């Protein structure tokens, strides 16, 4: 049972990385948007946020759920399953 849990964890991590790879354009958009907001917050407290450059903001970005799901699978659920598998393996001995 613990080995199966570990294999499922590795497959979940691979699925999350695949989702992140498929949404790499959205990752670029969201990182640019975050950096834009972060920079404007550092410049002045009450200053309005500058718009994104036209090259970044031109495309349609509907992949936020795919990005969050991929990150959740790759960095949260998969490693939790692998850790649970290792814990069960070590607990048996």
PDB file of N, CA and C in Angstrom:
ATOM      1  N   UNK A   1       0.810  -1.204   0.000  1.00  0.00           N
ATOM      2  CA  UNK A   1       0.000   0.000   0.000  1.00  0.00           C
ATOM      3  C   UNK A   1       0.855   1.271   0.000  1.00  0.00           C
ATOM      4  N   UNK A   2       1.903   1.363   0.843  1.00  0.00           N
ATOM      5  CA  UNK A   2       2.706   2.590   0.824  1.00  0.00           C
ATOM      6  C   UNK A   2       3.430   2.804  -0.503  1.00  0.00           C
ATOM      7  N   UNK A   3       3.859   1.719  -1.138  1.00  0.00           N
ATOM      8  CA  UNK A   3       4.543   1.875  -2.426  1.00  0.00           C
ATOM      9  C   UNK A   3       3.582   2.411  -3.482  1.00  0.00           C
ATOM     10  N   UNK A   4       2.351   1.935  -3.450  1.00  0.00           N
ATOM     11  CA  UNK A   4       1.340   2.425  -4.385  1.00  0.00           C
ATOM     12  C   UNK A   4       1.057   3.909  -4.154  1.00  0.00           C
ATOM     13  N   UNK A   5       1.030   4.311  -2.903  1.00  0.00           N
ATOM     14  CA  UNK A   5       0.813   5.718  -2.567  1.00  0.00           C
ATOM     15  C   UNK A   5       1.963   6.576  -3.097  1.00  0.00           C
ATOM     16  N   UNK A   6       3.181   6.066  -2.996  1.00  0.00           N
ATOM     17  CA  UNK A   6       4.336   6.796  -3.529  1.00  0.00           C
ATOM     18  C   UNK A   6       4.299   6.910  -5.038  1.00  0.00           C
ATOM     19  N   UNK A   7       3.896   5.834  -5.714  1.00  0.00           N
ATOM     20  CA  UNK A   7       3.791   5.874  -7.174  1.00  0.00           C
ATOM     21  C   UNK A   7       2.714   6.863  -7.603  1.00  0.00           C
ATOM     22  N   UNK A   8       1.600   6.866  -6.899  1.00  0.00           N
ATOM     23  CA  UNK A   8       0.534   7.826  -7.208  1.00  0.00           C
ATOM     24  C   UNK A   8       1.028   9.246  -6.967  1.00  0.00           C
ATOM     25  N   UNK A   9       1.807   9.458  -5.913  1.00  0.00           N
ATOM     26  CA  UNK A   9       2.370  10.782  -5.640  1.00  0.00           C
ATOM     27  C   UNK A   9       3.290  11.257  -6.747  1.00  0.00           C
ATOM     28  N   UNK A  10       4.123  10.359  -7.257  1.00  0.00           N
ATOM     29  CA  UNK A  10       5.026  10.723  -8.352  1.00  0.00           C
ATOM     30  C   UNK A  10       4.218  11.049  -9.608  1.00  0.00           C
ATOM     31  N   UNK A  11       3.171  10.268  -9.879  1.00  0.00           N
ATOM     32  CA  UNK A  11       2.324  10.552 -11.044  1.00  0.00           C
ATOM     33  C   UNK A  11       1.591  11.881 -10.906  1.00  0.00           C
ATOM     34  N   UNK A  12       1.169  12.211  -9.699  1.00  0.00           N
ATOM     35  CA  UNK A  12       0.493  13.497  -9.469  1.00  0.00           C
ATOM     36  C   UNK A  12       1.467  14.655  -9.683  1.00  0.00           C
ATOM     37  N   UNK A  13       2.717  14.494  -9.229  1.00  0.00           N
ATOM     38  CA  UNK A  13       3.728  15.537  -9.461  1.00  0.00           C
ATOM     39  C   UNK A  13       3.965  15.701 -10.960  1.00  0.00           C
ATOM     40  N   UNK A  14       4.074  14.597 -11.675  1.00  0.00           N
ATOM     41  CA  UNK A  14       4.274  14.669 -13.128  1.00  0.00           C
ATOM     42  C   UNK A  14       3.089  15.335 -13.818  1.00  0.00           C
ATOM     43  N   UNK A  15       1.877  15.032 -13.381  1.00  0.00           N
ATOM     44  CA  UNK A  15       0.695  15.673 -13.959  1.00  0.00           C
ATOM     45  C   UNK A  15       0.698  17.178 -13.672  1.00  0.00           C
ATOM     46  N   UNK A  16       1.106  17.570 -12.474  1.00  0.00           N
ATOM     47  CA  UNK A  16       1.180  18.992 -12.145  1.00  0.00           C
ATOM     48  C   UNK A  16       2.224  19.714 -12.968  1.00  0.00           C
ATOM     49  N   UNK A  17       3.382  19.082 -13.170  1.00  0.00           N
ATOM     50  CA  UNK A  17       4.412  19.699 -14.003  1.00  0.00           C
ATOM     51  C   UNK A  17       3.954  19.814 -15.453  1.00  0.00           C
ATOM     52  N   UNK A  18       3.197  18.825 -15.927  1.00  0.00           N
ATOM     53  CA  UNK A  18       2.667  18.892 -17.285  1.00  0.00           C
ATOM     54  C   UNK A  18       1.662  20.034 -17.422  1.00  0.00           C
ATOM     55  N   UNK A  19       0.804  20.206 -16.431  1.00  0.00           N
ATOM     56  CA  UNK A  19      -0.140  21.325 -16.469  1.00  0.00           C
ATOM     57  C   UNK A  19       0.585  22.671 -16.444  1.00  0.00           C
ATOM     58  N   UNK A  20       1.642  22.757 -15.649  1.00  0.00           N
ATOM     59  CA  UNK A  20       2.414  24.000 -15.617  1.00  0.00           C
ATOM     60  C   UNK A  20       3.123  24.244 -16.944  1.00  0.00           C
ATOM     61  N   UNK A  21       3.606  23.181 -17.579  1.00  0.00           N
ATOM     62  CA  UNK A  21       4.263  23.344 -18.864  1.00  0.00           C
ATOM     63  C   UNK A  21       3.261  23.802 -19.925  1.00  0.00           C
ATOM     64  N   UNK A  22       2.058  23.255 -19.885  1.00  0.00           N
ATOM     65  CA  UNK A  22       1.040  23.655 -20.846  1.00  0.00           C
ATOM     66  C   UNK A  22       0.603  25.105 -20.655  1.00  0.00           C
ATOM     67  N   UNK A  23       0.727  25.605 -19.474  1.00  0.00           N
ATOM     68  CA  UNK A  23       0.284  26.974 -19.193  1.00  0.00           C
ATOM     69  C   UNK A  23       1.463  27.917 -18.979  1.00  0.00           C
ATOM     70  N   UNK A  24       2.546  27.685 -19.693  1.00  0.00           N
ATOM     71  CA  UNK A  24       3.735  28.526 -19.492  1.00  0.00           C
ATOM     72  C   UNK A  24       3.509  29.963 -19.944  1.00  0.00           C
ATOM     73  N   UNK A  25       2.647  30.182 -20.941  1.00  0.00           N
ATOM     74  CA  UNK A  25       2.360  31.562 -21.358  1.00  0.00           C
ATOM     75  C   UNK A  25       1.578  32.298 -20.271  1.00  0.00           C
ATOM     76  N   UNK A  26       0.667  31.597 -19.634  1.00  0.00           N
ATOM     77  CA  UNK A  26      -0.079  32.214 -18.540  1.00  0.00           C
ATOM     78  C   UNK A  26       0.833  32.492 -17.348  1.00  0.00           C
ATOM     79  N   UNK A  27       1.805  31.611 -17.119  1.00  0.00           N
ATOM     80  CA  UNK A  27       2.764  31.860 -16.040  1.00  0.00           C
ATOM     81  C   UNK A  27       3.535  33.146 -16.289  1.00  0.00           C
ATOM     82  N   UNK A  28       3.925  33.383 -17.532  1.00  0.00           N
ATOM     83  CA  UNK A  28       4.603  34.630 -17.871  1.00  0.00           C
ATOM     84  C   UNK A  28       3.720  35.841 -17.637  1.00  0.00           C
ATOM     85  N   UNK A  29       2.452  35.725 -18.020  1.00  0.00           N
ATOM     86  CA  UNK A  29       1.517  36.830 -17.808  1.00  0.00           C
ATOM     87  C   UNK A  29       1.316  37.114 -16.332  1.00  0.00           C
ATOM     88  N   UNK A  30       1.070  36.064 -15.538  1.00  0.00           N
ATOM     89  CA  UNK A  30       0.795  36.275 -14.120  1.00  0.00           C
ATOM     90  C   UNK A  30       2.028  36.772 -13.375  1.00  0.00           C
ATOM     91  N   UNK A  31       3.216  36.307 -13.761  1.00  0.00           N
ATOM     92  CA  UNK A  31       4.418  36.825 -13.097  1.00  0.00           C
ATOM     93  C   UNK A  31       4.659  38.283 -13.471  1.00  0.00           C
ATOM     94  N   UNK A  32       4.395  38.658 -14.740  1.00  0.00           N
ATOM     95  CA  UNK A  32       4.535  40.064 -15.135  1.00  0.00           C
ATOM     96  C   UNK A  32       3.512  40.937 -14.428  1.00  0.00           C
ATOM     97  N   UNK A  33       2.287  40.450 -14.297  1.00  0.00           N
ATOM     98  CA  UNK A  33       1.254  41.221 -13.598  1.00  0.00           C
ATOM     99  C   UNK A  33       1.603  41.388 -12.119  1.00  0.00           C
ATOM    100  N   UNK A  34       2.112  40.317 -11.496  1.00  0.00           N
ATOM    101  CA  UNK A  34       2.491  40.409 -10.089  1.00  0.00           C
ATOM    102  C   UNK A  34       3.644  41.384  -9.906  1.00  0.00           C
ATOM    103  N   UNK A  35       4.651  41.304 -10.763  1.00  0.00           N
ATOM    104  CA  UNK A  35       5.783  42.227 -10.651  1.00  0.00           C
ATOM    105  C   UNK A  35       5.347  43.670 -10.880  1.00  0.00           C
ATOM    106  N   UNK A  36       4.400  43.889 -11.777  1.00  0.00           N
ATOM    107  CA  UNK A  36       3.890  45.239 -12.022  1.00  0.00           C
ATOM    108  C   UNK A  36       3.216  45.800 -10.775  1.00  0.00           C
ATOM    109  N   UNK A  37       2.382  45.000 -10.148  1.00  0.00           N
ATOM    110  CA  UNK A  37       1.702  45.454  -8.933  1.00  0.00           C
ATOM    111  C   UNK A  37       2.706  45.644  -7.795  1.00  0.00           C
ATOM    112  N   UNK A  38       3.660  44.728  -7.680  1.00  0.00           N
ATOM    113  CA  UNK A  38       4.659  44.818  -6.612  1.00  0.00           C
ATOM    114  C   UNK A  38       5.533  46.056  -6.771  1.00  0.00           C
ATOM    115  N   UNK A  39       5.956  46.341  -7.985  1.00  0.00           N
ATOM    116  CA  UNK A  39       6.786  47.530  -8.222  1.00  0.00           C
ATOM    117  C   UNK A  39       6.018  48.817  -7.934  1.00  0.00           C
ATOM    118  N   UNK A  40       4.764  48.857  -8.341  1.00  0.00           N
ATOM    119  CA  UNK A  40       3.992  50.064  -8.086  1.00  0.00           C
ATOM    120  C   UNK A  40       3.720  50.233  -6.586  1.00  0.00           C
ATOM    121  N   UNK A  41       3.608  49.141  -5.857  1.00  0.00           N
ATOM    122  CA  UNK A  41       3.416  49.237  -4.410  1.00  0.00           C
ATOM    123  C   UNK A  41       4.685  49.728  -3.726  1.00  0.00           C
ATOM    124  N   UNK A  42       5.831  49.387  -4.265  1.00  0.00           N
ATOM    125  CA  UNK A  42       7.080  49.844  -3.674  1.00  0.00           C
ATOM    126  C   UNK A  42       7.372  51.304  -3.985  1.00  0.00           C
ATOM    127  N   UNK A  43       6.924  51.771  -5.133  1.00  0.00           N
ATOM    128  CA  UNK A  43       7.206  53.159  -5.521  1.00  0.00           C
ATOM    129  C   UNK A  43       6.516  54.154  -4.597  1.00  0.00           C
ATOM    130  N   UNK A  44       5.217  54.007  -4.459  1.00  0.00           N
ATOM    131  CA  UNK A  44       4.448  54.935  -3.658  1.00  0.00           C
ATOM    132  C   UNK A  44       3.197  54.230  -3.161  1.00  0.00           C
ATOM    133  N   UNK A  45       2.796  54.509  -1.963  1.00  0.00           N
ATOM    134  CA  UNK A  45       1.675  53.794  -1.360  1.00  0.00           C
ATOM    135  C   UNK A  45       0.362  54.053  -2.082  1.00  0.00           C
ATOM    136  N   UNK A  46       0.059  55.264  -2.459  1.00  0.00           N
ATOM    137  CA  UNK A  46      -1.234  55.589  -3.047  1.00  0.00           C
ATOM    138  C   UNK A  46      -1.217  55.704  -4.558  1.00  0.00           C
ATOM    139  N   UNK A  47      -0.092  55.403  -5.190  1.00  0.00           N
ATOM    140  CA  UNK A  47       0.028  55.576  -6.634  1.00  0.00           C
ATOM    141  C   UNK A  47      -0.787  54.511  -7.372  1.00  0.00           C
ATOM    142  N   UNK A  48      -1.410  54.883  -8.480  1.00  0.00           N
ATOM    143  CA  UNK A  48      -2.169  53.886  -9.250  1.00  0.00           C
ATOM    144  C   UNK A  48      -1.222  52.902  -9.947  1.00  0.00           C
ATOM    145  N   UNK A  49      -1.732  51.732 -10.220  1.00  0.00           N
ATOM    146  CA  UNK A  49      -0.941  50.692 -10.873  1.00  0.00           C
ATOM    147  C   UNK A  49      -0.845  51.020 -12.355  1.00  0.00           C
ATOM    148  N   UNK A  50       0.376  50.971 -12.886  1.00  0.00           N
ATOM    149  CA  UNK A  50       0.562  51.217 -14.308  1.00  0.00           C
ATOM    150  C   UNK A  50       0.054  50.029 -15.108  1.00  0.00           C
ATOM    151  N   UNK A  51      -0.493  50.266 -16.287  1.00  0.00           N
ATOM    152  CA  UNK A  51      -0.980  49.139 -17.102  1.00  0.00           C
ATOM    153  C   UNK A  51       0.187  48.285 -17.604  1.00  0.00           C
ATOM    154  N   UNK A  52      -0.131  47.033 -17.909  1.00  0.00           N
ATOM    155  CA  UNK A  52       0.878  46.119 -18.439  1.00  0.00           C
ATOM    156  C   UNK A  52       1.276  46.538 -19.850  1.00  0.00           C
ATOM    157  N   UNK A  53       2.487  46.200 -20.270  1.00  0.00           N
ATOM    158  CA  UNK A  53       2.869  46.480 -21.661  1.00  0.00           C
ATOM    159  C   UNK A  53       1.924  45.782 -22.642  1.00  0.00           C
ATOM    160  N   UNK A  54       1.776  46.369 -23.822  1.00  0.00           N
ATOM    161  CA  UNK A  54       0.810  45.855 -24.798  1.00  0.00           C
ATOM    162  C   UNK A  54       1.155  44.440 -25.245  1.00  0.00           C
ATOM    163  N   UNK A  55       2.427  44.087 -25.313  1.00  0.00           N
ATOM    164  CA  UNK A  55       2.817  42.756 -25.768  1.00  0.00           C
ATOM    165  C   UNK A  55       2.381  41.685 -24.771  1.00  0.00           C
ATOM    166  N   UNK A  56       2.372  42.012 -23.497  1.00  0.00           N
ATOM    167  CA  UNK A  56       1.990  41.037 -22.477  1.00  0.00           C
ATOM    168  C   UNK A  56       0.480  40.992 -22.318  1.00  0.00           C
ATOM    169  N   UNK A  57      -0.168  42.148 -22.328  1.00  0.00           N
ATOM    170  CA  UNK A  57      -1.601  42.216 -22.064  1.00  0.00           C
ATOM    171  C   UNK A  57      -2.464  41.897 -23.286  1.00  0.00           C
ATOM    172  N   UNK A  58      -1.857  41.713 -24.467  1.00  0.00           N
ATOM    173  CA  UNK A  58      -2.643  41.538 -25.686  1.00  0.00           C
ATOM    174  C   UNK A  58      -3.376  40.203 -25.734  1.00  0.00           C
ATOM    175  N   UNK A  59      -2.767  39.142 -25.251  1.00  0.00           N
ATOM    176  CA  UNK A  59      -3.379  37.823 -25.363  1.00  0.00           C
ATOM    177  C   UNK A  59      -4.493  37.605 -24.360  1.00  0.00           C
ATOM    178  N   UNK A  60      -5.299  36.580 -24.646  1.00  0.00           N
ATOM    179  CA  UNK A  60      -6.346  36.207 -23.706  1.00  0.00           C
ATOM    180  C   UNK A  60      -5.756  35.245 -22.693  1.00  0.00           C
ATOM    181  N   UNK A  61      -6.021  35.498 -21.450  1.00  0.00           N
ATOM    182  CA  UNK A  61      -5.427  34.695 -20.382  1.00  0.00           C
ATOM    183  C   UNK A  61      -6.547  34.074 -19.555  1.00  0.00           C
ATOM    184  N   UNK A  62      -6.892  32.851 -19.902  1.00  0.00           N
ATOM    185  CA  UNK A  62      -7.956  32.145 -19.209  1.00  0.00           C
ATOM    186  C   UNK A  62      -7.422  30.923 -18.467  1.00  0.00           C
ATOM    187  N   UNK A  63      -6.118  30.859 -18.252  1.00  0.00           N
ATOM    188  CA  UNK A  63      -5.534  29.648 -17.686  1.00  0.00           C
ATOM    189  C   UNK A  63      -5.186  29.740 -16.222  1.00  0.00           C
ATOM    190  N   UNK A  64      -5.847  30.595 -15.477  1.00  0.00           N
ATOM    191  CA  UNK A  64      -5.508  30.747 -14.064  1.00  0.00           C
ATOM    192  C   UNK A  64      -5.809  29.478 -13.277  1.00  0.00           C
ATOM    193  N   UNK A  65      -6.901  28.814 -13.606  1.00  0.00           N
ATOM    194  CA  UNK A  65      -7.249  27.582 -12.892  1.00  0.00           C
ATOM    195  C   UNK A  65      -6.236  26.493 -13.203  1.00  0.00           C
ATOM    196  N   UNK A  66      -5.806  26.433 -14.463  1.00  0.00           N
ATOM    197  CA  UNK A  66      -4.813  25.431 -14.848  1.00  0.00           C
ATOM    198  C   UNK A  66      -3.482  25.682 -14.144  1.00  0.00           C
ATOM    199  N   UNK A  67      -3.100  26.936 -13.998  1.00  0.00           N
ATOM    200  CA  UNK A  67      -1.863  27.271 -13.294  1.00  0.00           C
ATOM    201  C   UNK A  67      -1.971  26.877 -11.821  1.00  0.00           C
ATOM    202  N   UNK A  68      -3.078  27.239 -11.179  1.00  0.00           N
ATOM    203  CA  UNK A  68      -3.250  26.913  -9.762  1.00  0.00           C
ATOM    204  C   UNK A  68      -3.347  25.413  -9.537  1.00  0.00           C
ATOM    205  N   UNK A  69      -4.045  24.708 -10.416  1.00  0.00           N
ATOM    206  CA  UNK A  69      -4.160  23.263 -10.291  1.00  0.00           C
ATOM    207  C   UNK A  69      -2.813  22.578 -10.500  1.00  0.00           C
ATOM    208  N   UNK A  70      -2.070  23.032 -11.498  1.00  0.00           N
ATOM    209  CA  UNK A  70      -0.743  22.469 -11.746  1.00  0.00           C
ATOM    210  C   UNK A  70       0.209  22.715 -10.593  1.00  0.00           C
ATOM    211  N   UNK A  71       0.193  23.926 -10.048  1.00  0.00           N
ATOM    212  CA  UNK A  71       1.056  24.229  -8.907  1.00  0.00           C
ATOM    213  C   UNK A  71       0.639  23.433  -7.674  1.00  0.00           C
ATOM    214  N   UNK A  72      -0.658  23.282  -7.487  1.00  0.00           N
ATOM    215  CA  UNK A  72      -1.137  22.497  -6.347  1.00  0.00           C
ATOM    216  C   UNK A  72      -0.749  21.036  -6.450  1.00  0.00           C
ATOM    217  N   UNK A  73      -0.866  20.480  -7.650  1.00  0.00           N
ATOM    218  CA  UNK A  73      -0.480  19.082  -7.851  1.00  0.00           C
ATOM    219  C   UNK A  73       1.033  18.906  -7.695  1.00  0.00           C
ATOM    220  N   UNK A  74       1.808  19.792  -8.337  1.00  0.00           N
ATOM    221  CA  UNK A  74       3.255  19.613  -8.378  1.00  0.00           C
ATOM    222  C   UNK A  74       3.936  19.933  -7.048  1.00  0.00           C
ATOM    223  N   UNK A  75       3.419  20.915  -6.320  1.00  0.00           N
ATOM    224  CA  UNK A  75       4.132  21.379  -5.130  1.00  0.00           C
ATOM    225  C   UNK A  75       3.421  21.102  -3.818  1.00  0.00           C
ATOM    226  N   UNK A  76       2.192  20.586  -3.861  1.00  0.00           N
ATOM    227  CA  UNK A  76       1.476  20.343  -2.612  1.00  0.00           C
ATOM    228  C   UNK A  76       0.981  18.901  -2.500  1.00  0.00           C
ATOM    229  N   UNK A  77       0.080  18.502  -3.376  1.00  0.00           N
ATOM    230  CA  UNK A  77      -0.552  17.193  -3.254  1.00  0.00           C
ATOM    231  C   UNK A  77       0.425  16.052  -3.518  1.00  0.00           C
ATOM    232  N   UNK A  78       1.191  16.148  -4.587  1.00  0.00           N
ATOM    233  CA  UNK A  78       2.144  15.093  -4.913  1.00  0.00           C
ATOM    234  C   UNK A  78       3.183  14.873  -3.817  1.00  0.00           C
ATOM    235  N   UNK A  79       3.866  15.932  -3.375  1.00  0.00           N
ATOM    236  CA  UNK A  79       4.823  15.737  -2.281  1.00  0.00           C
ATOM    237  C   UNK A  79       4.188  15.246  -0.980  1.00  0.00           C
ATOM    238  N   UNK A  80       2.944  15.645  -0.704  1.00  0.00           N
ATOM    239  CA  UNK A  80       2.262  15.121   0.484  1.00  0.00           C
ATOM    240  C   UNK A  80       2.042  13.615   0.380  1.00  0.00           C
ATOM    241  N   UNK A  81       1.651  13.155  -0.808  1.00  0.00           N
ATOM    242  CA  UNK A  81       1.465  11.725  -1.003  1.00  0.00           C
ATOM    243  C   UNK A  81       2.783  10.961  -0.898  1.00  0.00           C
ATOM    244  N   UNK A  82       3.843  11.533  -1.423  1.00  0.00           N
ATOM    245  CA  UNK A  82       5.160  10.893  -1.330  1.00  0.00           C
ATOM    246  C   UNK A  82       5.625  10.854   0.124  1.00  0.00           C
ATOM    247  N   UNK A  83       5.423  11.940   0.857  1.00  0.00           N
ATOM    248  CA  UNK A  83       5.807  11.965   2.267  1.00  0.00           C
ATOM    249  C   UNK A  83       4.987  10.968   3.084  1.00  0.00           C
ATOM    250  N   UNK A  84       3.700  10.866   2.783  1.00  0.00           N
ATOM    251  CA  UNK A  84       2.870   9.878   3.481  1.00  0.00           C
ATOM    252  C   UNK A  84       3.336   8.462   3.170  1.00  0.00           C
ATOM    253  N   UNK A  85       3.730   8.228   1.934  1.00  0.00           N
ATOM    254  CA  UNK A  85       4.241   6.919   1.548  1.00  0.00           C
ATOM    255  C   UNK A  85       5.522   6.586   2.306  1.00  0.00           C
ATOM    256  N   UNK A  86       6.435   7.535   2.371  1.00  0.00           N
ATOM    257  CA  UNK A  86       7.686   7.297   3.109  1.00  0.00           C
ATOM    258  C   UNK A  86       7.427   7.100   4.593  1.00  0.00           C
ATOM    259  N   UNK A  87       6.496   7.855   5.137  1.00  0.00           N
ATOM    260  CA  UNK A  87       6.162   7.704   6.556  1.00  0.00           C
ATOM    261  C   UNK A  87       5.588   6.301   6.833  1.00  0.00           C
ATOM    262  N   UNK A  88       4.710   5.854   5.973  1.00  0.00           N
ATOM    263  CA  UNK A  88       4.136   4.506   6.156  1.00  0.00           C
ATOM    264  C   UNK A  88       5.183   3.417   5.948  1.00  0.00           C
ATOM    265  N   UNK A  89       6.086   3.627   5.008  1.00  0.00           N
ATOM    266  CA  UNK A  89       7.146   2.640   4.807  1.00  0.00           C
ATOM    267  C   UNK A  89       8.063   2.537   6.018  1.00  0.00           C
ATOM    268  N   UNK A  90       8.410   3.680   6.596  1.00  0.00           N
ATOM    269  CA  UNK A  90       9.307   3.668   7.751  1.00  0.00           C
ATOM    270  C   UNK A  90       8.597   3.241   9.019  1.00  0.00           C
ATOM    271  N   UNK A  91       7.307   3.438   9.087  1.00  0.00           N
ATOM    272  CA  UNK A  91       6.541   3.054  10.272  1.00  0.00           C
ATOM    273  C   UNK A  91       6.374   1.526  10.360  1.00  0.00           C
ATOM    274  N   UNK A  92       6.338   0.875   9.225  1.00  0.00           N
ATOM    275  CA  UNK A  92       6.165  -0.577   9.211  1.00  0.00           C
ATOM    276  C   UNK A  92       7.386  -1.264   9.812  1.00  0.00           C
ATOM    277  N   UNK A  93       8.571  -0.748   9.545  1.00  0.00           N
ATOM    278  CA  UNK A  93       9.797  -1.383  10.068  1.00  0.00           C
ATOM    279  C   UNK A  93      10.008  -0.917  11.448  1.00  0.00           C
TER     280      UNK A  93
END
